[in-house]
Protein backbone atom coordinates (compact mmCIF):
# COMPACT_ATOMS: atom_id res chain seq x y z
CA UNK A 1 -8.92 -21.94 3.34
CA UNK A 2 -12.56 -20.99 3.45
CA UNK A 3 -15.01 -18.30 2.40
CA UNK A 4 -17.20 -16.04 4.48
CA UNK A 5 -20.15 -14.03 3.19
CA UNK A 6 -19.48 -11.82 0.16
CA UNK A 7 -16.61 -14.02 -1.03
CA UNK A 8 -14.11 -13.02 1.64
CA UNK A 9 -11.18 -15.46 1.64
CA UNK A 10 -10.05 -16.86 4.98
CA UNK A 11 -6.57 -18.38 5.12
CA UNK A 12 -5.13 -21.10 7.32
CA UNK A 13 -2.03 -20.28 9.41
CA UNK A 14 0.04 -22.22 6.88
CA UNK A 15 -1.32 -20.12 4.04
CA UNK A 16 -0.66 -16.92 5.95
CA UNK A 17 2.94 -18.11 6.35
CA UNK A 18 3.14 -18.43 2.56
CA UNK A 19 1.80 -14.89 2.22
CA UNK A 20 4.61 -13.76 4.53
CA UNK A 21 7.13 -15.16 2.03
CA UNK A 22 5.55 -13.06 -0.74
CA UNK A 23 5.30 -10.10 1.61
CA UNK A 24 8.98 -10.24 2.51
CA UNK A 25 9.93 -10.28 -1.16
CA UNK A 26 7.80 -7.18 -1.73
CA UNK A 27 9.29 -5.46 1.33
CA UNK A 28 12.84 -6.27 0.27
CA UNK A 29 12.14 -5.03 -3.27
CA UNK A 30 10.75 -1.74 -1.98
CA UNK A 31 13.81 -1.19 0.23
CA UNK A 32 16.03 -1.82 -2.79
CA UNK A 33 14.01 0.71 -4.77
CA UNK A 34 14.16 3.24 -1.93
CA UNK A 35 17.95 3.05 -2.08
CA UNK A 36 17.86 3.37 -5.87
CA UNK A 37 15.80 6.58 -5.99
CA UNK A 38 17.99 9.56 -6.91
CA UNK A 39 18.03 12.46 -9.36
CA UNK A 40 18.62 11.20 -12.89
CA UNK A 41 17.23 7.69 -12.47
CA UNK A 42 14.23 6.94 -14.67
CA UNK A 43 11.03 5.30 -13.50
CA UNK A 44 11.66 2.62 -16.11
CA UNK A 45 15.03 1.83 -14.56
CA UNK A 46 13.36 1.43 -11.18
CA UNK A 47 10.85 -0.93 -12.76
CA UNK A 48 13.64 -3.07 -14.21
CA UNK A 49 15.35 -3.25 -10.80
CA UNK A 50 12.07 -4.35 -9.21
CA UNK A 51 11.30 -7.06 -11.76
CA UNK A 52 14.81 -8.49 -11.58
CA UNK A 53 14.68 -8.66 -7.78
CA UNK A 54 11.20 -10.20 -7.68
CA UNK A 55 12.10 -12.91 -10.18
CA UNK A 56 15.47 -13.58 -8.54
CA UNK A 57 13.57 -14.13 -5.27
CA UNK A 58 11.36 -16.78 -6.82
CA UNK A 59 8.38 -14.52 -7.41
CA UNK A 60 6.34 -13.15 -10.27
CA UNK A 61 5.34 -9.46 -10.46
CA UNK A 62 1.66 -9.14 -9.55
CA UNK A 63 1.07 -6.02 -11.59
CA UNK A 64 2.52 -6.96 -15.00
CA UNK A 65 -0.35 -7.78 -17.34
CA UNK A 66 -2.96 -7.12 -14.66
CA UNK A 67 -6.49 -6.06 -15.63
CA UNK A 68 -7.64 -4.34 -18.85
CA UNK A 69 -5.93 -2.63 -20.47
CA UNK A 70 -3.07 -4.82 -19.18
CA UNK A 71 -0.71 -2.94 -16.89
CA UNK A 72 2.65 -2.95 -18.70
CA UNK A 73 5.11 -2.90 -15.79
CA UNK A 74 6.11 -4.56 -12.52
CA UNK A 75 5.65 -1.49 -10.29
CA UNK A 76 3.44 1.55 -10.26
CA UNK A 77 5.66 4.66 -10.26
CA UNK A 78 3.64 7.80 -9.49
CA UNK A 79 5.49 11.12 -9.39
CA UNK A 80 4.34 14.33 -7.64
CA UNK A 81 0.70 14.95 -8.59
CA UNK A 82 0.35 11.35 -9.77
CA UNK A 83 -1.33 9.55 -6.90
CA UNK A 84 -1.36 5.90 -7.96
CA UNK A 85 -1.03 3.60 -10.98
CA UNK A 86 1.68 5.61 -12.71
CA UNK A 87 3.28 3.68 -15.58
CA UNK A 88 7.11 3.54 -15.46
CA UNK A 89 8.96 4.84 -18.48
CA UNK A 90 11.66 7.30 -19.54
CA UNK A 91 10.81 10.02 -17.04
CA UNK A 92 13.91 11.07 -15.11
CA UNK A 93 13.48 11.96 -11.47
CA UNK A 94 14.76 15.39 -10.45
CA UNK A 95 15.59 17.05 -7.16
CA UNK A 96 12.39 17.98 -5.34
CA UNK A 97 10.24 15.20 -6.80
CA UNK A 98 8.44 12.61 -4.71
CA UNK A 99 7.71 9.18 -6.11
CA UNK A 100 5.13 6.72 -4.84
CA UNK A 101 6.16 3.15 -5.65
CA UNK A 102 3.57 0.39 -5.42
CA UNK A 103 4.88 -3.17 -5.68
CA UNK A 104 3.29 -6.61 -5.72
CA UNK A 105 4.67 -10.13 -6.00
CA UNK A 106 3.25 -13.63 -6.23
CA UNK A 107 5.13 -16.51 -4.62
CA UNK A 108 3.69 -20.03 -4.75
CA UNK A 109 0.30 -18.60 -5.70
CA UNK A 110 0.08 -16.08 -2.84
CA UNK A 111 0.27 -12.30 -3.11
CA UNK A 112 2.06 -9.54 -1.23
CA UNK A 113 1.31 -5.86 -1.88
CA UNK A 114 2.87 -2.70 -0.40
CA UNK A 115 3.77 0.87 -1.32
CA UNK A 116 6.09 3.65 -0.21
CA UNK A 117 6.57 7.30 -1.10
CA UNK A 118 10.16 8.46 -1.41
CA UNK A 119 11.62 11.97 -1.61
CA UNK A 120 14.11 12.72 -4.37
CA UNK A 121 16.68 14.87 -2.62
CA UNK A 122 15.39 17.90 -0.73
CA UNK A 123 11.65 18.55 -0.82
CA UNK A 124 9.45 21.27 0.74
CA UNK A 125 8.56 20.85 4.40
CA UNK A 126 4.87 20.64 3.53
CA UNK A 127 5.49 17.63 1.31
CA UNK A 128 7.65 15.96 3.96
CA UNK A 129 4.79 16.42 6.40
CA UNK A 130 2.30 15.04 3.87
CA UNK A 131 4.39 11.88 3.63
CA UNK A 132 4.63 11.57 7.40
CA UNK A 133 0.90 12.03 7.90
CA UNK A 134 0.03 9.51 5.19
CA UNK A 135 2.35 6.82 6.53
CA UNK A 136 1.33 7.40 10.14
CA UNK A 137 -2.37 7.20 9.22
CA UNK A 138 -1.74 3.71 7.84
CA UNK A 139 -0.21 2.62 11.14
CA UNK A 140 -3.08 4.19 13.08
CA UNK A 141 -5.39 2.07 10.91
CA UNK A 142 -3.51 -1.07 11.88
CA UNK A 143 -3.62 -0.08 15.55
CA UNK A 144 -7.42 0.07 15.39
CA UNK A 145 -7.75 -3.51 14.10
CA UNK A 146 -8.89 -6.20 16.54
CA UNK A 147 -10.39 -9.66 16.11
CA UNK A 148 -14.15 -9.21 16.25
CA UNK A 149 -13.89 -5.61 15.09
CA UNK A 150 -14.92 -4.22 11.72
CA UNK A 151 -13.16 -2.92 8.63
CA UNK A 152 -14.73 0.46 9.39
CA UNK A 153 -12.61 0.66 12.54
CA UNK A 154 -9.53 0.79 10.31
CA UNK A 155 -11.11 3.30 7.92
CA UNK A 156 -12.22 5.59 10.74
CA UNK A 157 -8.77 5.55 12.34
CA UNK A 158 -7.05 6.43 9.06
CA UNK A 159 -9.45 9.27 8.37
CA UNK A 160 -9.41 10.60 11.93
CA UNK A 161 -5.64 10.83 12.03
CA UNK A 162 -5.36 12.60 8.68
CA UNK A 163 -8.13 15.07 9.58
CA UNK A 164 -6.42 15.82 12.89
CA UNK A 165 -3.21 16.84 11.14
CA UNK A 166 -4.44 19.45 8.70
CA UNK A 167 -6.53 20.21 5.63
CA UNK A 168 -5.55 17.27 3.45
CA UNK A 169 -7.44 15.50 0.70
CA UNK A 170 -8.14 11.79 1.26
CA UNK A 171 -8.96 9.74 -1.82
CA UNK A 172 -12.31 8.00 -1.45
CA UNK A 173 -12.66 6.24 -4.82
CA UNK A 174 -9.50 4.17 -4.34
CA UNK A 175 -9.21 1.88 -1.36
CA UNK A 176 -7.31 -0.89 0.34
CA UNK A 177 -8.54 -4.42 -0.17
CA UNK A 178 -8.54 -8.03 0.80
CA UNK A 179 -5.64 -10.07 -0.58
CA UNK A 180 -4.65 -13.73 -0.85
CA UNK A 181 -4.68 -15.94 -3.93
CA UNK A 182 -5.67 -12.83 -5.88
CA UNK A 183 -4.21 -9.36 -5.46
CA UNK A 184 -7.59 -7.67 -5.04
CA UNK A 185 -10.33 -9.44 -3.11
CA UNK A 186 -13.25 -8.44 -0.91
CA UNK A 187 -13.57 -6.61 1.35
CA UNK A 188 -12.59 -3.10 0.31
CA UNK A 189 -10.78 -1.11 3.00
CA UNK A 190 -11.74 2.56 2.51
CA UNK A 191 -9.61 5.37 3.91
CA UNK A 192 -12.68 7.15 5.25
CA UNK A 193 -15.54 5.67 7.19
CA UNK A 194 -17.28 4.98 10.47
CA UNK A 195 -16.14 2.60 13.17
CA UNK A 196 -18.28 -0.47 13.67
CA UNK A 197 -19.24 -0.75 10.01
CA UNK A 198 -18.16 -3.16 7.29
CA UNK A 199 -16.86 -6.71 7.22
CA UNK A 200 -15.92 -8.41 10.46
CA UNK A 201 -12.22 -8.78 11.27
CA UNK A 202 -11.56 -12.47 11.83
CA UNK A 203 -8.57 -14.76 12.06
CA UNK A 204 -7.23 -15.72 8.63
CA UNK A 205 -8.31 -12.49 6.93
CA UNK A 206 -5.50 -10.61 5.15
CA UNK A 207 -5.94 -6.97 4.19
CA UNK A 208 -3.96 -4.31 2.39
CA UNK A 209 -4.34 -0.89 4.00
CA UNK A 210 -3.27 1.96 1.71
CA UNK A 211 -4.06 5.60 2.44
CA UNK A 212 -3.69 8.01 -0.49
CA UNK A 213 -3.52 11.61 0.67
CA UNK A 214 -3.03 14.93 -1.15
CA UNK A 215 -1.95 18.44 -0.27
CA UNK A 216 -5.11 19.76 -1.88
CA UNK A 217 -8.39 18.37 -3.15
CA UNK A 218 -9.36 14.71 -2.88
CA UNK A 219 -10.66 14.81 -6.47
CA UNK A 220 -8.73 13.05 -9.21
CA UNK A 221 -8.53 12.55 -12.96
CA UNK A 222 -7.38 9.61 -15.07
CA UNK A 223 -4.76 10.26 -17.76
CA UNK A 224 -5.13 9.09 -21.35
CA UNK A 225 -3.13 5.94 -20.60
CA UNK A 226 -6.25 4.73 -18.71
CA UNK A 227 -4.13 3.98 -15.65
CA UNK A 228 -2.40 6.98 -14.09
CA UNK A 229 -4.48 8.74 -11.42
CA UNK A 230 -3.56 12.41 -10.87
CA UNK A 231 -4.86 15.05 -8.48
CA UNK A 232 -7.42 17.27 -10.20
CA UNK A 233 -5.78 20.42 -8.78
CA UNK A 234 -2.17 19.39 -9.47
CA UNK A 235 -1.28 19.10 -5.78
CA UNK A 236 1.34 16.61 -4.57
CA UNK A 237 0.19 13.25 -3.22
CA UNK A 238 1.58 10.46 -1.06
CA UNK A 239 0.71 6.76 -0.87
CA UNK A 240 1.74 4.11 1.66
CA UNK A 241 0.57 0.51 1.92
CA UNK A 242 1.21 -2.70 3.83
CA UNK A 243 -0.47 -6.10 3.86
CA UNK A 244 -1.38 -7.41 7.33
CA UNK A 245 -3.27 -10.07 9.23
CA UNK A 246 -4.65 -10.42 12.76
CA UNK A 247 -4.05 -13.39 15.05
CA UNK A 248 -5.22 -14.07 18.61
CA UNK A 249 -1.78 -12.87 19.73
CA UNK A 250 -1.78 -9.58 17.81
CA UNK A 251 -0.99 -8.10 14.41
CA UNK A 252 1.48 -9.26 11.80
CA UNK A 253 2.45 -6.84 9.02
CA UNK A 254 3.28 -9.31 6.29
CA UNK A 255 5.12 -6.88 3.98
CA UNK A 256 7.20 -5.14 6.68
CA UNK A 257 10.71 -6.54 7.02
CA UNK A 258 10.40 -6.75 10.82
CA UNK A 259 6.75 -7.79 10.64
CA UNK A 260 5.80 -4.36 11.97
CA UNK A 261 7.21 -5.13 15.42
CA UNK A 262 8.93 -1.78 16.05
CA UNK A 263 6.08 0.50 14.97
CA UNK A 264 3.42 -1.63 16.63
CA UNK A 265 5.38 -1.48 19.88
CA UNK A 266 5.47 2.31 19.67
CA UNK A 267 1.69 2.28 19.31
CA UNK A 268 1.19 -0.21 22.15
CA UNK A 269 -0.20 -2.87 19.82
CA UNK A 270 0.59 -6.59 20.33
CA UNK A 271 2.85 -8.08 17.67
CA UNK A 272 2.31 -11.66 16.55
CA UNK A 273 5.01 -12.33 13.94
């Protein structure tokens, strides 16, 4: 493991393999949570399911106790107009809600981090499309990543895809990030930007790409809990995230159960898992 300029952590292939173990645990936990989302379940119940699964898999929740004030839960559970960092509790999900679930786990000192947005029963077509656009923009960001390229290539691809699909708000203050022995490391991975700018994409760099997109304005507020980020105009939001790395053979999505193979193939991108 080494460091580049600005404190960017570069991992060996063996360390990337350890990150894959953490990533798989995160991916498996999110799939369990996806199956658990239904009307009547509380966000606190989902949090308990996540923590139990992470610990049973030999991991430790990344989020619990993180930062200041300490985050009190193992997942972020953000409902409807809540974009990110929602604190799980006694809120019951109802038909027509959407919930964004962000999950992190540490295994043997290495982090995995990913997020999904899940519909609760039937939701409006516009919200379904918002979810599709947000998730697809993440994959378009991956498809733009090449060794020797720049972080801005990812940012520009995410932004370009979202802009091409309609009048959506893209959060600019909250970004993806480097990841490794800490959950958040340099460099930041914005969801807007210009190609050819930012840190160089090199072998051993691991990044979390996480577009946050709204049906309205990109502007947000922070609730009194000092954590939950909500849209300023009350519009619904979606959030998707995966951790990935680049090798000479292609991309490896460390938190996707299949390593990203199926989606990367659809996009014509080499898979290296």
